[in-house]
Amino acid sequence: NKAKNHPNIEIFEYHFAMELLTEHHLGAKVKELDKI
């Protein structure tokens, strides 16, 4: 109830997070990176 009434919070129901975005999606080989 508090979250629904907070002006800075938007809730996305029935939204499924599939994949985290990293340097991999920019074409980098993440295994070769010091930091991801």
PDB file of all heavy atoms in Angstrom:
ATOM      1  N   ASN A   1       0.831  -1.213   0.000  1.00  0.00           N
ATOM      2  CA  ASN A   1       0.000   0.000   0.000  1.00  0.00           C
ATOM      3  C   ASN A   1       0.864   1.260   0.000  1.00  0.00           C
ATOM      4  O   ASN A   1       0.586   2.226  -0.734  1.00  0.00           O
ATOM      5  CB  ASN A   1      -0.927  -0.004   1.216  1.00  0.00           C
ATOM      6  CG  ASN A   1      -1.902   1.159   1.208  1.00  0.00           C
ATOM      7  OD1 ASN A   1      -2.685   1.329   0.269  1.00  0.00           O
ATOM      8  ND2 ASN A   1      -1.839   1.992   2.238  1.00  0.00           N
ATOM      9  N   LYS A   2       1.945   1.259   0.779  1.00  0.00           N
ATOM     10  CA  LYS A   2       2.847   2.414   0.813  1.00  0.00           C
ATOM     11  C   LYS A   2       3.541   2.593  -0.536  1.00  0.00           C
ATOM     12  O   LYS A   2       3.693   3.718  -1.028  1.00  0.00           O
ATOM     13  CB  LYS A   2       3.901   2.235   1.913  1.00  0.00           C
ATOM     14  CG  LYS A   2       3.398   2.534   3.308  1.00  0.00           C
ATOM     15  CD  LYS A   2       4.515   2.463   4.340  1.00  0.00           C
ATOM     16  CE  LYS A   2       5.507   3.589   4.206  1.00  0.00           C
ATOM     17  NZ  LYS A   2       4.958   4.897   4.555  1.00  0.00           N
ATOM     18  N   ALA A   3       3.958   1.477  -1.135  1.00  0.00           N
ATOM     19  CA  ALA A   3       4.652   1.556  -2.424  1.00  0.00           C
ATOM     20  C   ALA A   3       3.728   2.079  -3.524  1.00  0.00           C
ATOM     21  O   ALA A   3       4.129   2.894  -4.369  1.00  0.00           O
ATOM     22  CB  ALA A   3       5.213   0.196  -2.801  1.00  0.00           C
ATOM     23  N   LYS A   4       2.497   1.615  -3.522  1.00  0.00           N
ATOM     24  CA  LYS A   4       1.535   2.054  -4.545  1.00  0.00           C
ATOM     25  C   LYS A   4       1.244   3.546  -4.458  1.00  0.00           C
ATOM     26  O   LYS A   4       0.900   4.183  -5.457  1.00  0.00           O
ATOM     27  CB  LYS A   4       0.228   1.263  -4.409  1.00  0.00           C
ATOM     28  CG  LYS A   4       0.306  -0.167  -4.931  1.00  0.00           C
ATOM     29  CD  LYS A   4      -1.040  -0.857  -4.817  1.00  0.00           C
ATOM     30  CE  LYS A   4      -1.000  -2.233  -5.472  1.00  0.00           C
ATOM     31  NZ  LYS A   4      -2.311  -2.955  -5.344  1.00  0.00           N
ATOM     32  N   ASN A   5       1.397   4.092  -3.280  1.00  0.00           N
ATOM     33  CA  ASN A   5       1.072   5.504  -3.086  1.00  0.00           C
ATOM     34  C   ASN A   5       2.299   6.413  -3.093  1.00  0.00           C
ATOM     35  O   ASN A   5       2.184   7.607  -2.818  1.00  0.00           O
ATOM     36  CB  ASN A   5       0.307   5.676  -1.770  1.00  0.00           C
ATOM     37  CG  ASN A   5      -1.113   5.149  -1.853  1.00  0.00           C
ATOM     38  OD1 ASN A   5      -1.954   5.721  -2.527  1.00  0.00           O
ATOM     39  ND2 ASN A   5      -1.372   4.033  -1.189  1.00  0.00           N
ATOM     40  N   HIS A   6       3.460   5.855  -3.411  1.00  0.00           N
ATOM     41  CA  HIS A   6       4.673   6.670  -3.457  1.00  0.00           C
ATOM     42  C   HIS A   6       4.872   7.215  -4.864  1.00  0.00           C
ATOM     43  O   HIS A   6       4.892   6.447  -5.831  1.00  0.00           O
ATOM     44  CB  HIS A   6       5.893   5.846  -3.036  1.00  0.00           C
ATOM     45  CG  HIS A   6       7.053   6.692  -2.613  1.00  0.00           C
ATOM     46  ND1 HIS A   6       7.722   7.534  -3.490  1.00  0.00           N
ATOM     47  CD2 HIS A   6       7.658   6.857  -1.403  1.00  0.00           C
ATOM     48  CE1 HIS A   6       8.690   8.159  -2.838  1.00  0.00           C
ATOM     49  NE2 HIS A   6       8.671   7.771  -1.576  1.00  0.00           N
ATOM     50  N   PRO A   7       5.036   8.508  -5.021  1.00  0.00           N
ATOM     51  CA  PRO A   7       5.135   9.112  -6.362  1.00  0.00           C
ATOM     52  C   PRO A   7       6.377   8.689  -7.146  1.00  0.00           C
ATOM     53  O   PRO A   7       6.371   8.781  -8.376  1.00  0.00           O
ATOM     54  CB  PRO A   7       5.157  10.621  -6.073  1.00  0.00           C
ATOM     55  CG  PRO A   7       5.640  10.734  -4.661  1.00  0.00           C
ATOM     56  CD  PRO A   7       5.110   9.532  -3.949  1.00  0.00           C
ATOM     57  N   ASN A   8       7.401   8.217  -6.485  1.00  0.00           N
ATOM     58  CA  ASN A   8       8.644   7.847  -7.182  1.00  0.00           C
ATOM     59  C   ASN A   8       8.739   6.361  -7.495  1.00  0.00           C
ATOM     60  O   ASN A   8       9.760   5.904  -7.999  1.00  0.00           O
ATOM     61  CB  ASN A   8       9.863   8.261  -6.349  1.00  0.00           C
ATOM     62  CG  ASN A   8      10.172   9.741  -6.479  1.00  0.00           C
ATOM     63  OD1 ASN A   8       9.520  10.451  -7.243  1.00  0.00           O
ATOM     64  ND2 ASN A   8      11.148  10.204  -5.731  1.00  0.00           N
ATOM     65  N   ILE A   9       7.676   5.612  -7.183  1.00  0.00           N
ATOM     66  CA  ILE A   9       7.697   4.160  -7.413  1.00  0.00           C
ATOM     67  C   ILE A   9       6.663   3.786  -8.462  1.00  0.00           C
ATOM     68  O   ILE A   9       5.490   4.164  -8.357  1.00  0.00           O
ATOM     69  CB  ILE A   9       7.409   3.383  -6.108  1.00  0.00           C
ATOM     70  CG1 ILE A   9       8.514   3.646  -5.076  1.00  0.00           C
ATOM     71  CG2 ILE A   9       7.307   1.885  -6.386  1.00  0.00           C
ATOM     72  CD1 ILE A   9       8.263   2.992  -3.724  1.00  0.00           C
ATOM     73  N   GLU A  10       7.101   3.039  -9.461  1.00  0.00           N
ATOM     74  CA  GLU A  10       6.196   2.492 -10.472  1.00  0.00           C
ATOM     75  C   GLU A  10       6.268   0.976 -10.407  1.00  0.00           C
ATOM     76  O   GLU A  10       7.362   0.389 -10.425  1.00  0.00           O
ATOM     77  CB  GLU A  10       6.579   2.982 -11.863  1.00  0.00           C
ATOM     78  CG  GLU A  10       5.564   2.621 -12.937  1.00  0.00           C
ATOM     79  CD  GLU A  10       5.802   3.327 -14.267  1.00  0.00           C
ATOM     80  OE1 GLU A  10       6.682   4.216 -14.311  1.00  0.00           O
ATOM     81  OE2 GLU A  10       5.126   2.969 -15.250  1.00  0.00           O
ATOM     82  N   ILE A  11       5.111   0.335 -10.304  1.00  0.00           N
ATOM     83  CA  ILE A  11       5.050  -1.121 -10.164  1.00  0.00           C
ATOM     84  C   ILE A  11       4.618  -1.741 -11.494  1.00  0.00           C
ATOM     85  O   ILE A  11       3.590  -1.350 -12.066  1.00  0.00           O
ATOM     86  CB  ILE A  11       4.079  -1.527  -9.042  1.00  0.00           C
ATOM     87  CG1 ILE A  11       4.546  -0.940  -7.699  1.00  0.00           C
ATOM     88  CG2 ILE A  11       3.964  -3.045  -8.943  1.00  0.00           C
ATOM     89  CD1 ILE A  11       3.564  -1.139  -6.561  1.00  0.00           C
ATOM     90  N   PHE A  12       5.386  -2.706 -11.959  1.00  0.00           N
ATOM     91  CA  PHE A  12       5.096  -3.412 -13.207  1.00  0.00           C
ATOM     92  C   PHE A  12       4.684  -4.847 -12.877  1.00  0.00           C
ATOM     93  O   PHE A  12       5.516  -5.725 -12.689  1.00  0.00           O
ATOM     94  CB  PHE A  12       6.330  -3.415 -14.120  1.00  0.00           C
ATOM     95  CG  PHE A  12       6.725  -2.056 -14.626  1.00  0.00           C
ATOM     96  CD1 PHE A  12       7.531  -1.230 -13.860  1.00  0.00           C
ATOM     97  CD2 PHE A  12       6.283  -1.607 -15.864  1.00  0.00           C
ATOM     98  CE1 PHE A  12       7.911   0.030 -14.326  1.00  0.00           C
ATOM     99  CE2 PHE A  12       6.650  -0.349 -16.341  1.00  0.00           C
ATOM    100  CZ  PHE A  12       7.461   0.466 -15.566  1.00  0.00           C
ATOM    101  N   GLU A  13       3.372  -5.072 -12.799  1.00  0.00           N
ATOM    102  CA  GLU A  13       2.864  -6.422 -12.538  1.00  0.00           C
ATOM    103  C   GLU A  13       2.853  -7.231 -13.830  1.00  0.00           C
ATOM    104  O   GLU A  13       2.786  -6.687 -14.923  1.00  0.00           O
ATOM    105  CB  GLU A  13       1.460  -6.357 -11.943  1.00  0.00           C
ATOM    106  CG  GLU A  13       1.425  -5.723 -10.549  1.00  0.00           C
ATOM    107  CD  GLU A  13       0.034  -5.730  -9.948  1.00  0.00           C
ATOM    108  OE1 GLU A  13      -0.923  -5.324 -10.645  1.00  0.00           O
ATOM    109  OE2 GLU A  13      -0.089  -6.140  -8.790  1.00  0.00           O
ATOM    110  N   TYR A  14       2.916  -8.547 -13.688  1.00  0.00           N
ATOM    111  CA  TYR A  14       2.956  -9.475 -14.829  1.00  0.00           C
ATOM    112  C   TYR A  14       4.100  -9.122 -15.782  1.00  0.00           C
ATOM    113  O   TYR A  14       3.974  -9.217 -16.998  1.00  0.00           O
ATOM    114  CB  TYR A  14       1.613  -9.513 -15.551  1.00  0.00           C
ATOM    115  CG  TYR A  14       0.541 -10.179 -14.708  1.00  0.00           C
ATOM    116  CD1 TYR A  14      -0.298  -9.419 -13.900  1.00  0.00           C
ATOM    117  CD2 TYR A  14       0.394 -11.563 -14.701  1.00  0.00           C
ATOM    118  CE1 TYR A  14      -1.261 -10.013 -13.098  1.00  0.00           C
ATOM    119  CE2 TYR A  14      -0.569 -12.169 -13.905  1.00  0.00           C
ATOM    120  CZ  TYR A  14      -1.392 -11.394 -13.112  1.00  0.00           C
ATOM    121  OH  TYR A  14      -2.328 -11.989 -12.319  1.00  0.00           O
ATOM    122  N   HIS A  15       5.225  -8.734 -15.208  1.00  0.00           N
ATOM    123  CA  HIS A  15       6.455  -8.485 -15.956  1.00  0.00           C
ATOM    124  C   HIS A  15       7.528  -9.439 -15.437  1.00  0.00           C
ATOM    125  O   HIS A  15       7.813  -9.463 -14.230  1.00  0.00           O
ATOM    126  CB  HIS A  15       6.914  -7.030 -15.786  1.00  0.00           C
ATOM    127  CG  HIS A  15       6.184  -6.067 -16.664  1.00  0.00           C
ATOM    128  ND1 HIS A  15       4.841  -5.815 -16.522  1.00  0.00           N
ATOM    129  CD2 HIS A  15       6.615  -5.299 -17.703  1.00  0.00           C
ATOM    130  CE1 HIS A  15       4.463  -4.917 -17.436  1.00  0.00           C
ATOM    131  NE2 HIS A  15       5.522  -4.589 -18.164  1.00  0.00           N
ATOM    132  N   PHE A  16       8.086 -10.204 -16.318  1.00  0.00           N
ATOM    133  CA  PHE A  16       9.025 -11.265 -15.950  1.00  0.00           C
ATOM    134  C   PHE A  16      10.447 -10.856 -16.347  1.00  0.00           C
ATOM    135  O   PHE A  16      10.751 -10.682 -17.529  1.00  0.00           O
ATOM    136  CB  PHE A  16       8.638 -12.568 -16.658  1.00  0.00           C
ATOM    137  CG  PHE A  16       9.426 -13.772 -16.231  1.00  0.00           C
ATOM    138  CD1 PHE A  16       8.935 -14.634 -15.270  1.00  0.00           C
ATOM    139  CD2 PHE A  16      10.677 -14.048 -16.774  1.00  0.00           C
ATOM    140  CE1 PHE A  16       9.660 -15.753 -14.862  1.00  0.00           C
ATOM    141  CE2 PHE A  16      11.402 -15.149 -16.390  1.00  0.00           C
ATOM    142  CZ  PHE A  16      10.898 -15.998 -15.430  1.00  0.00           C
ATOM    143  N   ALA A  17      11.325 -10.690 -15.349  1.00  0.00           N
ATOM    144  CA  ALA A  17      12.727 -10.373 -15.631  1.00  0.00           C
ATOM    145  C   ALA A  17      13.418 -11.617 -16.173  1.00  0.00           C
ATOM    146  O   ALA A  17      13.483 -12.650 -15.503  1.00  0.00           O
ATOM    147  CB  ALA A  17      13.420  -9.881 -14.370  1.00  0.00           C
ATOM    148  N   MET A  18      13.938 -11.513 -17.409  1.00  0.00           N
ATOM    149  CA  MET A  18      14.498 -12.680 -18.099  1.00  0.00           C
ATOM    150  C   MET A  18      16.015 -12.735 -18.045  1.00  0.00           C
ATOM    151  O   MET A  18      16.593 -13.811 -17.924  1.00  0.00           O
ATOM    152  CB  MET A  18      14.087 -12.660 -19.580  1.00  0.00           C
ATOM    153  CG  MET A  18      12.602 -12.775 -19.812  1.00  0.00           C
ATOM    154  SD  MET A  18      12.162 -12.371 -21.520  1.00  0.00           S
ATOM    155  CE  MET A  18      13.639 -12.720 -22.424  1.00  0.00           C
ATOM    156  N   GLU A  19      16.649 -11.587 -18.163  1.00  0.00           N
ATOM    157  CA  GLU A  19      18.098 -11.584 -18.350  1.00  0.00           C
ATOM    158  C   GLU A  19      18.680 -10.265 -17.853  1.00  0.00           C
ATOM    159  O   GLU A  19      18.154  -9.184 -18.167  1.00  0.00           O
ATOM    160  CB  GLU A  19      18.403 -11.761 -19.844  1.00  0.00           C
ATOM    161  CG  GLU A  19      19.817 -12.161 -20.156  1.00  0.00           C
ATOM    162  CD  GLU A  19      19.946 -12.603 -21.616  1.00  0.00           C
ATOM    163  OE1 GLU A  19      19.154 -13.462 -22.057  1.00  0.00           O
ATOM    164  OE2 GLU A  19      20.838 -12.070 -22.293  1.00  0.00           O
ATOM    165  N   LEU A  20      19.755 -10.345 -17.076  1.00  0.00           N
ATOM    166  CA  LEU A  20      20.452  -9.146 -16.625  1.00  0.00           C
ATOM    167  C   LEU A  20      21.317  -8.601 -17.747  1.00  0.00           C
ATOM    168  O   LEU A  20      21.945  -9.364 -18.488  1.00  0.00           O
ATOM    169  CB  LEU A  20      21.322  -9.463 -15.403  1.00  0.00           C
ATOM    170  CG  LEU A  20      20.582  -9.916 -14.145  1.00  0.00           C
ATOM    171  CD1 LEU A  20      21.577 -10.349 -13.072  1.00  0.00           C
ATOM    172  CD2 LEU A  20      19.668  -8.803 -13.618  1.00  0.00           C
ATOM    173  N   LEU A  21      21.352  -7.282 -17.877  1.00  0.00           N
ATOM    174  CA  LEU A  21      22.126  -6.634 -18.934  1.00  0.00           C
ATOM    175  C   LEU A  21      23.534  -6.318 -18.428  1.00  0.00           C
ATOM    176  O   LEU A  21      23.706  -5.644 -17.410  1.00  0.00           O
ATOM    177  CB  LEU A  21      21.433  -5.343 -19.370  1.00  0.00           C
ATOM    178  CG  LEU A  21      19.990  -5.491 -19.852  1.00  0.00           C
ATOM    179  CD1 LEU A  21      19.385  -4.128 -20.165  1.00  0.00           C
ATOM    180  CD2 LEU A  21      19.917  -6.399 -21.075  1.00  0.00           C
ATOM    181  N   THR A  22      24.531  -6.814 -19.142  1.00  0.00           N
ATOM    182  CA  THR A  22      25.936  -6.574 -18.782  1.00  0.00           C
ATOM    183  C   THR A  22      26.738  -6.252 -20.040  1.00  0.00           C
ATOM    184  O   THR A  22      26.168  -6.125 -21.136  1.00  0.00           O
ATOM    185  CB  THR A  22      26.551  -7.816 -18.108  1.00  0.00           C
ATOM    186  OG1 THR A  22      26.670  -8.868 -19.076  1.00  0.00           O
ATOM    187  CG2 THR A  22      25.709  -8.291 -16.933  1.00  0.00           C
ATOM    188  N   GLU A  23      28.062  -6.165 -19.892  1.00  0.00           N
ATOM    189  CA  GLU A  23      28.940  -5.943 -21.042  1.00  0.00           C
ATOM    190  C   GLU A  23      28.778  -7.015 -22.112  1.00  0.00           C
ATOM    191  O   GLU A  23      29.090  -6.782 -23.292  1.00  0.00           O
ATOM    192  CB  GLU A  23      30.397  -5.891 -20.581  1.00  0.00           C
ATOM    193  CG  GLU A  23      30.793  -4.602 -19.889  1.00  0.00           C
ATOM    194  CD  GLU A  23      30.517  -4.590 -18.406  1.00  0.00           C
ATOM    195  OE1 GLU A  23      29.868  -5.551 -17.920  1.00  0.00           O
ATOM    196  OE2 GLU A  23      30.930  -3.639 -17.729  1.00  0.00           O
ATOM    197  N   HIS A  24      28.279  -8.177 -21.719  1.00  0.00           N
ATOM    198  CA  HIS A  24      28.023  -9.252 -22.685  1.00  0.00           C
ATOM    199  C   HIS A  24      27.112  -8.772 -23.807  1.00  0.00           C
ATOM    200  O   HIS A  24      27.296  -9.140 -24.982  1.00  0.00           O
ATOM    201  CB  HIS A  24      27.385 -10.446 -21.960  1.00  0.00           C
ATOM    202  CG  HIS A  24      26.806 -11.473 -22.879  1.00  0.00           C
ATOM    203  ND1 HIS A  24      27.588 -12.366 -23.585  1.00  0.00           N
ATOM    204  CD2 HIS A  24      25.519 -11.747 -23.225  1.00  0.00           C
ATOM    205  CE1 HIS A  24      26.810 -13.147 -24.318  1.00  0.00           C
ATOM    206  NE2 HIS A  24      25.546 -12.789 -24.125  1.00  0.00           N
ATOM    207  N   HIS A  25      26.143  -7.933 -23.462  1.00  0.00           N
ATOM    208  CA  HIS A  25      25.190  -7.445 -24.469  1.00  0.00           C
ATOM    209  C   HIS A  25      25.755  -6.323 -25.321  1.00  0.00           C
ATOM    210  O   HIS A  25      25.097  -5.849 -26.247  1.00  0.00           O
ATOM    211  CB  HIS A  25      23.899  -7.010 -23.773  1.00  0.00           C
ATOM    212  CG  HIS A  25      23.243  -8.133 -23.024  1.00  0.00           C
ATOM    213  ND1 HIS A  25      23.514  -8.385 -21.693  1.00  0.00           N
ATOM    214  CD2 HIS A  25      22.369  -9.092 -23.432  1.00  0.00           C
ATOM    215  CE1 HIS A  25      22.819  -9.440 -21.316  1.00  0.00           C
ATOM    216  NE2 HIS A  25      22.120  -9.882 -22.339  1.00  0.00           N
ATOM    217  N   LEU A  26      26.980  -5.919 -24.994  1.00  0.00           N
ATOM    218  CA  LEU A  26      27.694  -4.938 -25.819  1.00  0.00           C
ATOM    219  C   LEU A  26      28.799  -5.608 -26.634  1.00  0.00           C
ATOM    220  O   LEU A  26      29.642  -4.935 -27.224  1.00  0.00           O
ATOM    221  CB  LEU A  26      28.289  -3.842 -24.928  1.00  0.00           C
ATOM    222  CG  LEU A  26      27.268  -2.991 -24.162  1.00  0.00           C
ATOM    223  CD1 LEU A  26      27.974  -2.129 -23.136  1.00  0.00           C
ATOM    224  CD2 LEU A  26      26.463  -2.134 -25.128  1.00  0.00           C
ATOM    225  N   GLY A  27      28.792  -6.945 -26.616  1.00  0.00           N
ATOM    226  CA  GLY A  27      29.752  -7.692 -27.433  1.00  0.00           C
ATOM    227  C   GLY A  27      31.030  -8.092 -26.735  1.00  0.00           C
ATOM    228  O   GLY A  27      31.916  -8.705 -27.346  1.00  0.00           O
ATOM    229  N   ALA A  28      31.168  -7.758 -25.434  1.00  0.00           N
ATOM    230  CA  ALA A  28      32.399  -8.077 -24.708  1.00  0.00           C
ATOM    231  C   ALA A  28      32.374  -9.515 -24.208  1.00  0.00           C
ATOM    232  O   ALA A  28      31.307 -10.101 -23.977  1.00  0.00           O
ATOM    233  CB  ALA A  28      32.578  -7.127 -23.529  1.00  0.00           C
ATOM    234  N   LYS A  29      33.544 -10.093 -24.042  1.00  0.00           N
ATOM    235  CA  LYS A  29      33.679 -11.409 -23.418  1.00  0.00           C
ATOM    236  C   LYS A  29      33.889 -11.171 -21.933  1.00  0.00           C
ATOM    237  O   LYS A  29      34.977 -10.797 -21.489  1.00  0.00           O
ATOM    238  CB  LYS A  29      34.856 -12.164 -24.019  1.00  0.00           C
ATOM    239  CG  LYS A  29      34.663 -12.518 -25.492  1.00  0.00           C
ATOM    240  CD  LYS A  29      35.852 -13.305 -26.038  1.00  0.00           C
ATOM    241  CE  LYS A  29      35.625 -13.670 -27.498  1.00  0.00           C
ATOM    242  NZ  LYS A  29      36.779 -14.429 -28.071  1.00  0.00           N
ATOM    243  N   VAL A  30      32.829 -11.411 -21.154  1.00  0.00           N
ATOM    244  CA  VAL A  30      32.853 -11.010 -19.748  1.00  0.00           C
ATOM    245  C   VAL A  30      33.901 -11.770 -18.939  1.00  0.00           C
ATOM    246  O   VAL A  30      34.400 -11.279 -17.919  1.00  0.00           O
ATOM    247  CB  VAL A  30      31.457 -11.170 -19.098  1.00  0.00           C
ATOM    248  CG1 VAL A  30      30.475 -10.189 -19.705  1.00  0.00           C
ATOM    249  CG2 VAL A  30      30.934 -12.589 -19.245  1.00  0.00           C
ATOM    250  N   LYS A  31      34.268 -12.963 -19.383  1.00  0.00           N
ATOM    251  CA  LYS A  31      35.289 -13.729 -18.666  1.00  0.00           C
ATOM    252  C   LYS A  31      36.646 -13.027 -18.693  1.00  0.00           C
ATOM    253  O   LYS A  31      37.495 -13.270 -17.834  1.00  0.00           O
ATOM    254  CB  LYS A  31      35.414 -15.133 -19.250  1.00  0.00           C
ATOM    255  CG  LYS A  31      34.258 -16.056 -18.915  1.00  0.00           C
ATOM    256  CD  LYS A  31      34.514 -17.462 -19.431  1.00  0.00           C
ATOM    257  CE  LYS A  31      33.374 -18.403 -19.033  1.00  0.00           C
ATOM    258  NZ  LYS A  31      33.612 -19.794 -19.518  1.00  0.00           N
ATOM    259  N   GLU A  32      36.841 -12.164 -19.674  1.00  0.00           N
ATOM    260  CA  GLU A  32      38.117 -11.471 -19.811  1.00  0.00           C
ATOM    261  C   GLU A  32      38.129 -10.115 -19.113  1.00  0.00           C
ATOM    262  O   GLU A  32      39.149  -9.428 -19.099  1.00  0.00           O
ATOM    263  CB  GLU A  32      38.439 -11.289 -21.300  1.00  0.00           C
ATOM    264  CG  GLU A  32      38.562 -12.606 -22.070  1.00  0.00           C
ATOM    265  CD  GLU A  32      38.752 -12.385 -23.562  1.00  0.00           C
ATOM    266  OE1 GLU A  32      38.799 -11.208 -23.984  1.00  0.00           O
ATOM    267  OE2 GLU A  32      38.847 -13.393 -24.296  1.00  0.00           O
ATOM    268  N   LEU A  33      37.009  -9.729 -18.498  1.00  0.00           N
ATOM    269  CA  LEU A  33      36.904  -8.427 -17.850  1.00  0.00           C
ATOM    270  C   LEU A  33      37.308  -8.509 -16.381  1.00  0.00           C
ATOM    271  O   LEU A  33      37.023  -9.501 -15.702  1.00  0.00           O
ATOM    272  CB  LEU A  33      35.468  -7.897 -17.946  1.00  0.00           C
ATOM    273  CG  LEU A  33      34.907  -7.665 -19.354  1.00  0.00           C
ATOM    274  CD1 LEU A  33      33.443  -7.238 -19.254  1.00  0.00           C
ATOM    275  CD2 LEU A  33      35.709  -6.609 -20.092  1.00  0.00           C
ATOM    276  N   ASP A  34      37.954  -7.464 -15.891  1.00  0.00           N
ATOM    277  CA  ASP A  34      38.272  -7.395 -14.465  1.00  0.00           C
ATOM    278  C   ASP A  34      37.002  -7.196 -13.648  1.00  0.00           C
ATOM    279  O   ASP A  34      36.857  -7.746 -12.561  1.00  0.00           O
ATOM    280  CB  ASP A  34      39.235  -6.230 -14.188  1.00  0.00           C
ATOM    281  CG  ASP A  34      40.615  -6.469 -14.775  1.00  0.00           C
ATOM    282  OD1 ASP A  34      41.001  -7.646 -14.889  1.00  0.00           O
ATOM    283  OD2 ASP A  34      41.286  -5.488 -15.135  1.00  0.00           O
ATOM    284  N   LYS A  35      36.066  -6.402 -14.191  1.00  0.00           N
ATOM    285  CA  LYS A  35      34.802  -6.147 -13.518  1.00  0.00           C
ATOM    286  C   LYS A  35      33.656  -6.233 -14.516  1.00  0.00           C
ATOM    287  O   LYS A  35      33.775  -5.776 -15.645  1.00  0.00           O
ATOM    288  CB  LYS A  35      34.804  -4.765 -12.852  1.00  0.00           C
ATOM    289  CG  LYS A  35      35.695  -4.652 -11.628  1.00  0.00           C
ATOM    290  CD  LYS A  35      35.533  -3.283 -10.978  1.00  0.00           C
ATOM    291  CE  LYS A  35      36.385  -3.180  -9.709  1.00  0.00           C
ATOM    292  NZ  LYS A  35      36.234  -1.847  -9.064  1.00  0.00           N
ATOM    293  N   ILE A  36      32.562  -6.812 -14.054  1.00  0.00           N
ATOM    294  CA  ILE A  36      31.333  -6.858 -14.850  1.00  0.00           C
ATOM    295  C   ILE A  36      30.358  -5.864 -14.217  1.00  0.00           C
ATOM    296  O   ILE A  36      30.291  -5.729 -12.998  1.00  0.00           O
ATOM    297  CB  ILE A  36      30.723  -8.270 -14.855  1.00  0.00           C
ATOM    298  CG1 ILE A  36      31.742  -9.315 -15.328  1.00  0.00           C
ATOM    299  CG2 ILE A  36      29.473  -8.320 -15.734  1.00  0.00           C
ATOM    300  CD1 ILE A  36      31.273 -10.751 -15.157  1.00  0.00           C
TER     301      ILE A  36
END
